[in-house]
Amino acid sequence: MQEEQLGDRLHELAEVPPSAAPTGRLLERGRRARHRRAAVTSASLAAVVALGVVGVAAATSGTPDRPAATASAADPRLELVAAVTKSENISYRLRLTTATPSGQSLMTYEGAFDPRTATGYVRAPQDDSIMVELLIDGTRYMGAERPQSPLPADKGPGEKYGRYGQYPGKFDHLSIYGDADTVVGAAAPDPAALFKALKALDATVTRKPDGSVHFEYAEQSDKGLTTTSTAGDVTFDADGRVAKIAMTFQWQTTVKGKLQSGTVVSTLQLSDYGLSVQVKRPTDVVPAT
């Protein structure tokens, strides 16, 4: 599965129509250079070949109206492709924080998710409650639990702690994922969407001296009245999977007739890939819309 996903993304990177991945060419060159590589598992072979063994890793045949496209083996986008591919279809623990540039915390989400079973949870502490989302085999429950710290004097009355709303339909992701077609959604917390989003936004992608991958992009919305500039860094764990995505958003808008601006820092940390994610259905459940 990882080899198929990697092949698809190499074609996306080269901007050619979907077709049979150039796996044969990649693997043949990999065999010729095997003495330069340590043994790897078959599942990650294509990623290793694409990143280090092949001189022109993403070489694809051209078409009459589109010449052949290539990507250098030193291209950091290839490293991002491989890391994202290895981070898909496997469970993980997550921690997502948002803060001001000075470090003042805005929101913190902690949880775990298994995309293969559509099961997971996320908790977000507030001053008067802990917001909780549960996903069990695609069924979503949302509720609130009592915080451990004492409640503020003006908070608490009327809150039904421990009661969860069960939402109709089936879901394949936690609601904090946002829109998977945007980088914001990709960093909260779906690493598989990051590559697609950066490509769509024509982001600049470079490698930093510490081995992490840096990206920058800018976009406009609201008929040009809102501008967002984003810079981010992706770091990898020892297995080559996405470990952290740190992003800084700088925005300004004149939608309401006056200039408003701000900066938000978002950090997503992913760990414990492959852990067992089990979620118990709450006992106090009511229908939700």
C-alpha atoms as a PDB file:
ATOM      1  CA  MET A   1       0.000   0.000   0.000  1.00  0.00           C
ATOM      2  CA  GLN A   2       2.826   2.411   0.829  1.00  0.00           C
ATOM      3  CA  GLU A   3       4.455   1.727  -2.540  1.00  0.00           C
ATOM      4  CA  GLU A   4       1.177   2.508  -4.353  1.00  0.00           C
ATOM      5  CA  GLN A   5       0.721   5.721  -2.348  1.00  0.00           C
ATOM      6  CA  LEU A   6       4.304   6.757  -2.986  1.00  0.00           C
ATOM      7  CA  GLY A   7       3.897   6.109  -6.704  1.00  0.00           C
ATOM      8  CA  ASP A   8       0.758   8.249  -6.802  1.00  0.00           C
ATOM      9  CA  ARG A   9       2.518  11.109  -5.039  1.00  0.00           C
ATOM     10  CA  LEU A  10       5.563  10.923  -7.288  1.00  0.00           C
ATOM     11  CA  HIS A  11       3.229  11.421 -10.239  1.00  0.00           C
ATOM     12  CA  GLU A  12       1.593  14.343  -8.420  1.00  0.00           C
ATOM     13  CA  LEU A  13       5.020  15.826  -7.748  1.00  0.00           C
ATOM     14  CA  ALA A  14       5.981  15.498 -11.404  1.00  0.00           C
ATOM     15  CA  GLU A  15       2.581  16.920 -12.453  1.00  0.00           C
ATOM     16  CA  VAL A  16       1.718  14.162 -14.868  1.00  0.00           C
ATOM     17  CA  PRO A  17      -1.603  12.348 -15.252  1.00  0.00           C
ATOM     18  CA  PRO A  18      -2.128   9.241 -13.051  1.00  0.00           C
ATOM     19  CA  SER A  19      -0.748   6.097 -14.626  1.00  0.00           C
ATOM     20  CA  ALA A  20       1.332   3.093 -13.649  1.00  0.00           C
ATOM     21  CA  ALA A  21       3.970   4.260 -11.186  1.00  0.00           C
ATOM     22  CA  PRO A  22       7.569   4.068 -12.496  1.00  0.00           C
ATOM     23  CA  THR A  23       8.284   1.440  -9.851  1.00  0.00           C
ATOM     24  CA  GLY A  24      10.207  -0.899 -12.160  1.00  0.00           C
ATOM     25  CA  ARG A  25      12.649   1.805 -13.157  1.00  0.00           C
ATOM     26  CA  LEU A  26      13.094   2.872  -9.541  1.00  0.00           C
ATOM     27  CA  LEU A  27      13.655  -0.653  -8.259  1.00  0.00           C
ATOM     28  CA  GLU A  28      16.104  -1.542 -11.046  1.00  0.00           C
ATOM     29  CA  ARG A  29      18.259   1.453 -10.197  1.00  0.00           C
ATOM     30  CA  GLY A  30      17.887   0.523  -6.549  1.00  0.00           C
ATOM     31  CA  ARG A  31      19.230  -2.977  -7.211  1.00  0.00           C
ATOM     32  CA  ARG A  32      22.250  -1.544  -9.004  1.00  0.00           C
ATOM     33  CA  ALA A  33      23.010   0.665  -6.007  1.00  0.00           C
ATOM     34  CA  ARG A  34      22.131  -1.846  -3.292  1.00  0.00           C
ATOM     35  CA  HIS A  35      25.670  -1.857  -1.909  1.00  0.00           C
ATOM     36  CA  ARG A  36      25.107   1.753  -0.863  1.00  0.00           C
ATOM     37  CA  ARG A  37      22.050   0.880   1.221  1.00  0.00           C
ATOM     38  CA  ALA A  38      21.360  -1.010   4.402  1.00  0.00           C
ATOM     39  CA  ALA A  39      18.632  -3.644   4.255  1.00  0.00           C
ATOM     40  CA  VAL A  40      15.128  -2.180   4.364  1.00  0.00           C
ATOM     41  CA  THR A  41      11.657  -3.682   4.548  1.00  0.00           C
ATOM     42  CA  SER A  42       9.780  -4.185   1.319  1.00  0.00           C
ATOM     43  CA  ALA A  43       7.111  -1.717   2.419  1.00  0.00           C
ATOM     44  CA  SER A  44       9.594   1.164   2.565  1.00  0.00           C
ATOM     45  CA  LEU A  45      11.807   0.126  -0.342  1.00  0.00           C
ATOM     46  CA  ALA A  46      10.254   2.500  -2.872  1.00  0.00           C
ATOM     47  CA  ALA A  47      10.576   5.414  -0.464  1.00  0.00           C
ATOM     48  CA  VAL A  48      14.261   4.704   0.174  1.00  0.00           C
ATOM     49  CA  VAL A  49      14.965   4.338  -3.539  1.00  0.00           C
ATOM     50  CA  ALA A  50      13.119   7.544  -4.340  1.00  0.00           C
ATOM     51  CA  LEU A  51      14.960   9.543  -1.699  1.00  0.00           C
ATOM     52  CA  GLY A  52      18.550   8.458  -1.984  1.00  0.00           C
ATOM     53  CA  VAL A  53      19.384   5.829  -4.579  1.00  0.00           C
ATOM     54  CA  VAL A  54      17.901   7.219  -7.756  1.00  0.00           C
ATOM     55  CA  GLY A  55      19.728  10.121  -9.345  1.00  0.00           C
ATOM     56  CA  VAL A  56      16.518  11.439 -10.867  1.00  0.00           C
ATOM     57  CA  ALA A  57      13.966   9.858  -8.553  1.00  0.00           C
ATOM     58  CA  ALA A  58      10.700  11.129  -9.947  1.00  0.00           C
ATOM     59  CA  ALA A  59      11.515  10.747 -13.650  1.00  0.00           C
ATOM     60  CA  THR A  60       8.391  10.075 -15.687  1.00  0.00           C
ATOM     61  CA  SER A  61       7.728   9.725 -19.374  1.00  0.00           C
ATOM     62  CA  GLY A  62       6.371  12.808 -21.080  1.00  0.00           C
ATOM     63  CA  THR A  63       3.363  13.269 -23.310  1.00  0.00           C
ATOM     64  CA  PRO A  64       3.133  15.229 -26.596  1.00  0.00           C
ATOM     65  CA  ASP A  65       1.745  18.272 -24.790  1.00  0.00           C
ATOM     66  CA  ARG A  66       3.690  17.799 -21.570  1.00  0.00           C
ATOM     67  CA  PRO A  67       7.437  17.053 -21.512  1.00  0.00           C
ATOM     68  CA  ALA A  68       8.958  14.644 -19.058  1.00  0.00           C
ATOM     69  CA  ALA A  69       9.215  16.051 -15.541  1.00  0.00           C
ATOM     70  CA  THR A  70      11.919  15.224 -13.042  1.00  0.00           C
ATOM     71  CA  ALA A  71      12.701  15.965  -9.422  1.00  0.00           C
ATOM     72  CA  SER A  72      16.205  15.821  -8.020  1.00  0.00           C
ATOM     73  CA  ALA A  73      17.006  13.240  -5.351  1.00  0.00           C
ATOM     74  CA  ALA A  74      18.063  16.203  -3.223  1.00  0.00           C
ATOM     75  CA  ASP A  75      14.614  17.761  -3.558  1.00  0.00           C
ATOM     76  CA  PRO A  76      13.175  18.075  -0.018  1.00  0.00           C
ATOM     77  CA  ARG A  77       9.685  17.519  -1.431  1.00  0.00           C
ATOM     78  CA  LEU A  78      10.627  13.875  -1.978  1.00  0.00           C
ATOM     79  CA  GLU A  79      11.514  13.495   1.681  1.00  0.00           C
ATOM     80  CA  LEU A  80       8.164  15.000   2.572  1.00  0.00           C
ATOM     81  CA  VAL A  81       6.401  12.610   0.177  1.00  0.00           C
ATOM     82  CA  ALA A  82       8.042   9.582   1.782  1.00  0.00           C
ATOM     83  CA  ALA A  83       7.394  10.776   5.349  1.00  0.00           C
ATOM     84  CA  VAL A  84       3.747  11.495   4.671  1.00  0.00           C
ATOM     85  CA  THR A  85       3.296   8.130   2.952  1.00  0.00           C
ATOM     86  CA  LYS A  86       4.801   6.285   5.929  1.00  0.00           C
ATOM     87  CA  SER A  87       2.566   8.271   8.315  1.00  0.00           C
ATOM     88  CA  GLU A  88      -0.671   7.186   6.630  1.00  0.00           C
ATOM     89  CA  ASN A  89      -2.960   4.313   7.562  1.00  0.00           C
ATOM     90  CA  ILE A  90      -1.342   3.865  10.962  1.00  0.00           C
ATOM     91  CA  SER A  91      -2.497   4.926  14.422  1.00  0.00           C
ATOM     92  CA  TYR A  92      -0.769   7.700  16.347  1.00  0.00           C
ATOM     93  CA  ARG A  93      -0.938   9.900  19.422  1.00  0.00           C
ATOM     94  CA  LEU A  94      -1.437  13.614  18.819  1.00  0.00           C
ATOM     95  CA  ARG A  95      -0.949  16.901  20.611  1.00  0.00           C
ATOM     96  CA  LEU A  96      -2.045  20.118  18.909  1.00  0.00           C
ATOM     97  CA  THR A  97      -1.420  23.517  20.485  1.00  0.00           C
ATOM     98  CA  THR A  98      -2.160  27.055  19.349  1.00  0.00           C
ATOM     99  CA  ALA A  99      -0.542  30.085  20.947  1.00  0.00           C
ATOM    100  CA  THR A 100       0.289  33.756  20.484  1.00  0.00           C
ATOM    101  CA  PRO A 101       3.772  34.752  19.286  1.00  0.00           C
ATOM    102  CA  SER A 102       4.679  35.542  22.910  1.00  0.00           C
ATOM    103  CA  GLY A 103       3.870  31.960  23.901  1.00  0.00           C
ATOM    104  CA  GLN A 104       0.493  32.547  25.555  1.00  0.00           C
ATOM    105  CA  SER A 105      -1.484  29.330  25.107  1.00  0.00           C
ATOM    106  CA  LEU A 106      -4.787  29.575  23.252  1.00  0.00           C
ATOM    107  CA  MET A 107      -5.923  25.950  22.882  1.00  0.00           C
ATOM    108  CA  THR A 108      -4.460  22.516  23.556  1.00  0.00           C
ATOM    109  CA  TYR A 109      -5.811  19.279  22.102  1.00  0.00           C
ATOM    110  CA  GLU A 110      -4.545  15.841  23.106  1.00  0.00           C
ATOM    111  CA  GLY A 111      -5.695  12.456  21.894  1.00  0.00           C
ATOM    112  CA  ALA A 112      -5.084   9.481  19.638  1.00  0.00           C
ATOM    113  CA  PHE A 113      -6.512   8.240  16.361  1.00  0.00           C
ATOM    114  CA  ASP A 114      -6.517   5.064  14.266  1.00  0.00           C
ATOM    115  CA  PRO A 115      -7.523   5.809  10.639  1.00  0.00           C
ATOM    116  CA  ARG A 116      -7.929   2.100   9.854  1.00  0.00           C
ATOM    117  CA  THR A 117     -10.812   1.692  12.317  1.00  0.00           C
ATOM    118  CA  ALA A 118     -12.008   5.336  12.406  1.00  0.00           C
ATOM    119  CA  THR A 119     -11.583   5.205  16.188  1.00  0.00           C
ATOM    120  CA  GLY A 120     -10.007   7.817  18.420  1.00  0.00           C
ATOM    121  CA  TYR A 121     -10.494  10.601  20.915  1.00  0.00           C
ATOM    122  CA  VAL A 122      -9.402  14.157  21.629  1.00  0.00           C
ATOM    123  CA  ARG A 123      -9.620  16.259  24.796  1.00  0.00           C
ATOM    124  CA  ALA A 124      -9.381  20.063  25.038  1.00  0.00           C
ATOM    125  CA  PRO A 125      -9.304  21.557  28.571  1.00  0.00           C
ATOM    126  CA  GLN A 126     -11.300  24.757  29.174  1.00  0.00           C
ATOM    127  CA  ASP A 127     -11.732  26.797  32.341  1.00  0.00           C
ATOM    128  CA  ASP A 128     -15.212  25.363  33.006  1.00  0.00           C
ATOM    129  CA  SER A 129     -15.002  21.941  31.319  1.00  0.00           C
ATOM    130  CA  ILE A 130     -12.950  19.534  29.264  1.00  0.00           C
ATOM    131  CA  MET A 131     -14.317  19.297  25.766  1.00  0.00           C
ATOM    132  CA  VAL A 132     -14.204  15.672  24.607  1.00  0.00           C
ATOM    133  CA  GLU A 133     -14.749  14.082  21.216  1.00  0.00           C
ATOM    134  CA  LEU A 134     -14.963  10.309  20.835  1.00  0.00           C
ATOM    135  CA  LEU A 135     -14.959   8.416  17.550  1.00  0.00           C
ATOM    136  CA  ILE A 136     -15.845   4.716  17.658  1.00  0.00           C
ATOM    137  CA  ASP A 137     -15.932   2.795  14.374  1.00  0.00           C
ATOM    138  CA  GLY A 138     -16.924   6.012  12.628  1.00  0.00           C
ATOM    139  CA  THR A 139     -19.625   7.060  15.114  1.00  0.00           C
ATOM    140  CA  ARG A 140     -19.014  10.489  16.661  1.00  0.00           C
ATOM    141  CA  TYR A 141     -19.812  11.497  20.237  1.00  0.00           C
ATOM    142  CA  MET A 142     -19.166  14.951  21.691  1.00  0.00           C
ATOM    143  CA  GLY A 143     -19.528  16.065  25.292  1.00  0.00           C
ATOM    144  CA  ALA A 144     -17.884  17.727  28.271  1.00  0.00           C
ATOM    145  CA  GLU A 145     -16.291  16.494  31.474  1.00  0.00           C
ATOM    146  CA  ARG A 146     -15.699  18.360  34.720  1.00  0.00           C
ATOM    147  CA  PRO A 147     -12.197  19.886  34.967  1.00  0.00           C
ATOM    148  CA  GLN A 148      -9.868  18.831  37.760  1.00  0.00           C
ATOM    149  CA  SER A 149      -9.232  22.401  38.882  1.00  0.00           C
ATOM    150  CA  PRO A 150     -11.905  24.373  40.811  1.00  0.00           C
ATOM    151  CA  LEU A 151     -14.532  25.998  38.629  1.00  0.00           C
ATOM    152  CA  PRO A 152     -14.568  29.799  38.227  1.00  0.00           C
ATOM    153  CA  ALA A 153     -17.258  31.502  40.266  1.00  0.00           C
ATOM    154  CA  ASP A 154     -19.316  32.364  37.183  1.00  0.00           C
ATOM    155  CA  LYS A 155     -18.977  28.982  35.455  1.00  0.00           C
ATOM    156  CA  GLY A 156     -20.498  25.564  35.896  1.00  0.00           C
ATOM    157  CA  PRO A 157     -24.254  26.027  36.589  1.00  0.00           C
ATOM    158  CA  GLY A 158     -26.323  24.378  33.880  1.00  0.00           C
ATOM    159  CA  GLU A 159     -23.447  22.339  32.463  1.00  0.00           C
ATOM    160  CA  LYS A 160     -24.300  18.659  32.098  1.00  0.00           C
ATOM    161  CA  TYR A 161     -20.980  16.951  32.624  1.00  0.00           C
ATOM    162  CA  GLY A 162     -20.635  13.438  31.252  1.00  0.00           C
ATOM    163  CA  ARG A 163     -23.492  13.736  28.752  1.00  0.00           C
ATOM    164  CA  TYR A 164     -22.565  13.129  25.108  1.00  0.00           C
ATOM    165  CA  GLY A 165     -24.343  13.858  21.862  1.00  0.00           C
ATOM    166  CA  GLN A 166     -24.267  11.071  19.273  1.00  0.00           C
ATOM    167  CA  TYR A 167     -24.144  12.437  15.745  1.00  0.00           C
ATOM    168  CA  PRO A 168     -25.872  10.718  12.822  1.00  0.00           C
ATOM    169  CA  GLY A 169     -23.848   9.243   9.981  1.00  0.00           C
ATOM    170  CA  LYS A 170     -20.326   7.898   9.796  1.00  0.00           C
ATOM    171  CA  PHE A 171     -17.063   9.847  10.004  1.00  0.00           C
ATOM    172  CA  ASP A 172     -13.483   8.927   9.084  1.00  0.00           C
ATOM    173  CA  HIS A 173     -11.711  11.681  11.023  1.00  0.00           C
ATOM    174  CA  LEU A 174     -11.874  13.716  14.213  1.00  0.00           C
ATOM    175  CA  SER A 175     -13.666  17.045  13.814  1.00  0.00           C
ATOM    176  CA  ILE A 176     -10.542  19.091  14.662  1.00  0.00           C
ATOM    177  CA  TYR A 177      -9.067  17.988  11.329  1.00  0.00           C
ATOM    178  CA  GLY A 178     -10.751  20.923   9.666  1.00  0.00           C
ATOM    179  CA  ASP A 179     -10.677  21.094   5.882  1.00  0.00           C
ATOM    180  CA  ALA A 180      -8.201  18.504   4.619  1.00  0.00           C
ATOM    181  CA  ASP A 181      -7.716  20.498   1.411  1.00  0.00           C
ATOM    182  CA  THR A 182      -6.009  23.341   3.261  1.00  0.00           C
ATOM    183  CA  VAL A 183      -2.689  23.497   5.057  1.00  0.00           C
ATOM    184  CA  VAL A 184      -4.561  24.561   8.202  1.00  0.00           C
ATOM    185  CA  GLY A 185      -6.561  21.349   8.024  1.00  0.00           C
ATOM    186  CA  ALA A 186      -3.438  19.394   7.146  1.00  0.00           C
ATOM    187  CA  ALA A 187      -1.753  20.500  10.341  1.00  0.00           C
ATOM    188  CA  ALA A 188      -4.736  19.664  12.488  1.00  0.00           C
ATOM    189  CA  PRO A 189      -3.908  16.780  12.572  1.00  0.00           C
ATOM    190  CA  ASP A 190      -3.756  14.917   9.261  1.00  0.00           C
ATOM    191  CA  PRO A 191      -0.178  14.682   7.935  1.00  0.00           C
ATOM    192  CA  ALA A 192      -1.389  12.955   4.768  1.00  0.00           C
ATOM    193  CA  ALA A 193      -3.068  16.174   3.603  1.00  0.00           C
ATOM    194  CA  LEU A 194       0.062  18.277   3.964  1.00  0.00           C
ATOM    195  CA  PHE A 195       1.692  17.295   0.664  1.00  0.00           C
ATOM    196  CA  LYS A 196      -1.501  17.857  -1.355  1.00  0.00           C
ATOM    197  CA  ALA A 197      -2.134  21.227   0.256  1.00  0.00           C
ATOM    198  CA  LEU A 198       1.396  22.564  -0.218  1.00  0.00           C
ATOM    199  CA  LYS A 199       1.393  21.512  -3.851  1.00  0.00           C
ATOM    200  CA  ALA A 200      -1.977  23.174  -4.472  1.00  0.00           C
ATOM    201  CA  LEU A 201      -0.711  26.418  -2.942  1.00  0.00           C
ATOM    202  CA  ASP A 202       2.557  26.307  -4.906  1.00  0.00           C
ATOM    203  CA  ALA A 203       4.488  26.548  -1.641  1.00  0.00           C
ATOM    204  CA  THR A 204       8.233  27.027  -1.510  1.00  0.00           C
ATOM    205  CA  VAL A 205       9.792  23.939   0.102  1.00  0.00           C
ATOM    206  CA  THR A 206      13.410  23.835   1.295  1.00  0.00           C
ATOM    207  CA  ARG A 207      15.568  21.711   3.581  1.00  0.00           C
ATOM    208  CA  LYS A 208      17.057  23.243   6.728  1.00  0.00           C
ATOM    209  CA  PRO A 209      20.546  22.403   8.078  1.00  0.00           C
ATOM    210  CA  ASP A 210      19.026  20.340  10.908  1.00  0.00           C
ATOM    211  CA  GLY A 211      17.317  18.030   8.385  1.00  0.00           C
ATOM    212  CA  SER A 212      13.802  19.391   8.792  1.00  0.00           C
ATOM    213  CA  VAL A 213      11.764  20.623   5.836  1.00  0.00           C
ATOM    214  CA  HIS A 214      10.687  24.271   5.697  1.00  0.00           C
ATOM    215  CA  PHE A 215       7.780  25.624   3.656  1.00  0.00           C
ATOM    216  CA  GLU A 216       6.288  29.040   2.965  1.00  0.00           C
ATOM    217  CA  TYR A 217       3.237  30.202   1.076  1.00  0.00           C
ATOM    218  CA  ALA A 218       0.822  33.123   0.832  1.00  0.00           C
ATOM    219  CA  GLU A 219      -2.823  33.241  -0.144  1.00  0.00           C
ATOM    220  CA  GLN A 220      -5.668  35.706  -0.485  1.00  0.00           C
ATOM    221  CA  SER A 221      -9.378  35.345   0.198  1.00  0.00           C
ATOM    222  CA  ASP A 222     -12.511  37.462   0.540  1.00  0.00           C
ATOM    223  CA  LYS A 223     -11.903  38.940  -2.935  1.00  0.00           C
ATOM    224  CA  GLY A 224      -8.395  39.967  -1.989  1.00  0.00           C
ATOM    225  CA  LEU A 225      -9.367  41.707   1.261  1.00  0.00           C
ATOM    226  CA  THR A 226      -7.740  39.051   3.462  1.00  0.00           C
ATOM    227  CA  THR A 227      -4.111  37.968   3.136  1.00  0.00           C
ATOM    228  CA  THR A 228      -2.431  35.125   5.011  1.00  0.00           C
ATOM    229  CA  SER A 229       1.300  34.405   5.040  1.00  0.00           C
ATOM    230  CA  THR A 230       2.318  31.051   6.454  1.00  0.00           C
ATOM    231  CA  ALA A 231       5.693  29.547   7.300  1.00  0.00           C
ATOM    232  CA  GLY A 232       6.181  26.097   8.740  1.00  0.00           C
ATOM    233  CA  ASP A 233       8.690  23.390   9.567  1.00  0.00           C
ATOM    234  CA  VAL A 234       8.216  19.620   9.393  1.00  0.00           C
ATOM    235  CA  THR A 235      10.492  17.361  11.435  1.00  0.00           C
ATOM    236  CA  PHE A 236      10.712  13.578  11.242  1.00  0.00           C
ATOM    237  CA  ASP A 237      11.183  10.797  13.763  1.00  0.00           C
ATOM    238  CA  ALA A 238      13.803   8.039  13.667  1.00  0.00           C
ATOM    239  CA  ASP A 239      11.560   5.955  11.381  1.00  0.00           C
ATOM    240  CA  GLY A 240      11.172   8.773   8.856  1.00  0.00           C
ATOM    241  CA  ARG A 241       7.560   9.569   9.807  1.00  0.00           C
ATOM    242  CA  VAL A 242       6.155  13.023  10.494  1.00  0.00           C
ATOM    243  CA  ALA A 243       6.944  13.920  14.122  1.00  0.00           C
ATOM    244  CA  LYS A 244       6.091  17.612  14.323  1.00  0.00           C
ATOM    245  CA  ILE A 245       4.578  20.340  12.175  1.00  0.00           C
ATOM    246  CA  ALA A 246       5.173  23.866  13.499  1.00  0.00           C
ATOM    247  CA  MET A 247       3.391  26.674  11.651  1.00  0.00           C
ATOM    248  CA  THR A 248       3.159  30.452  12.034  1.00  0.00           C
ATOM    249  CA  PHE A 249       0.180  32.242  10.466  1.00  0.00           C
ATOM    250  CA  GLN A 250       0.286  35.993   9.875  1.00  0.00           C
ATOM    251  CA  TRP A 251      -2.956  37.478   8.628  1.00  0.00           C
ATOM    252  CA  GLN A 252      -4.471  40.840   7.894  1.00  0.00           C
ATOM    253  CA  THR A 253      -7.900  41.818   6.638  1.00  0.00           C
ATOM    254  CA  THR A 254      -9.987  44.862   5.746  1.00  0.00           C
ATOM    255  CA  VAL A 255     -13.255  42.933   5.415  1.00  0.00           C
ATOM    256  CA  LYS A 256     -14.953  45.063   8.114  1.00  0.00           C
ATOM    257  CA  GLY A 257     -13.706  48.323   6.661  1.00  0.00           C
ATOM    258  CA  LYS A 258     -10.663  48.702   8.892  1.00  0.00           C
ATOM    259  CA  LEU A 259      -7.293  47.014   8.985  1.00  0.00           C
ATOM    260  CA  GLN A 260      -7.069  44.078  11.394  1.00  0.00           C
ATOM    261  CA  SER A 261      -4.121  41.730  11.745  1.00  0.00           C
ATOM    262  CA  GLY A 262      -2.731  39.002  13.952  1.00  0.00           C
ATOM    263  CA  THR A 263      -0.349  36.095  14.314  1.00  0.00           C
ATOM    264  CA  VAL A 264      -1.064  32.562  15.524  1.00  0.00           C
ATOM    265  CA  VAL A 265       1.460  29.792  16.154  1.00  0.00           C
ATOM    266  CA  SER A 266       0.263  26.192  15.760  1.00  0.00           C
ATOM    267  CA  THR A 267       2.259  23.088  16.666  1.00  0.00           C
ATOM    268  CA  LEU A 268       1.182  19.528  15.926  1.00  0.00           C
ATOM    269  CA  GLN A 269       3.152  16.661  17.488  1.00  0.00           C
ATOM    270  CA  LEU A 270       2.609  13.057  16.401  1.00  0.00           C
ATOM    271  CA  SER A 271       4.056  10.102  18.301  1.00  0.00           C
ATOM    272  CA  ASP A 272       3.600   6.439  19.280  1.00  0.00           C
ATOM    273  CA  TYR A 273       2.815   5.327  15.736  1.00  0.00           C
ATOM    274  CA  GLY A 274       1.122   1.935  15.721  1.00  0.00           C
ATOM    275  CA  LEU A 275      -0.331   2.150  19.231  1.00  0.00           C
ATOM    276  CA  SER A 276      -3.605   0.386  20.058  1.00  0.00           C
ATOM    277  CA  VAL A 277      -6.475   2.905  20.184  1.00  0.00           C
ATOM    278  CA  GLN A 278      -9.537   1.721  22.097  1.00  0.00           C
ATOM    279  CA  VAL A 279     -12.414   4.009  23.048  1.00  0.00           C
ATOM    280  CA  LYS A 280     -15.313   3.121  25.353  1.00  0.00           C
ATOM    281  CA  ARG A 281     -18.807   4.300  24.434  1.00  0.00           C
ATOM    282  CA  PRO A 282     -20.177   6.810  26.972  1.00  0.00           C
ATOM    283  CA  THR A 283     -23.163   5.737  29.078  1.00  0.00           C
ATOM    284  CA  ASP A 284     -25.118   9.037  29.020  1.00  0.00           C
ATOM    285  CA  VAL A 285     -25.865   9.548  25.307  1.00  0.00           C
ATOM    286  CA  VAL A 286     -28.504  11.688  23.588  1.00  0.00           C
ATOM    287  CA  PRO A 287     -29.125  12.243  19.846  1.00  0.00           C
ATOM    288  CA  ALA A 288     -27.374  15.257  18.340  1.00  0.00           C
ATOM    289  CA  THR A 289     -27.722  17.092  15.054  1.00  0.00           C
END
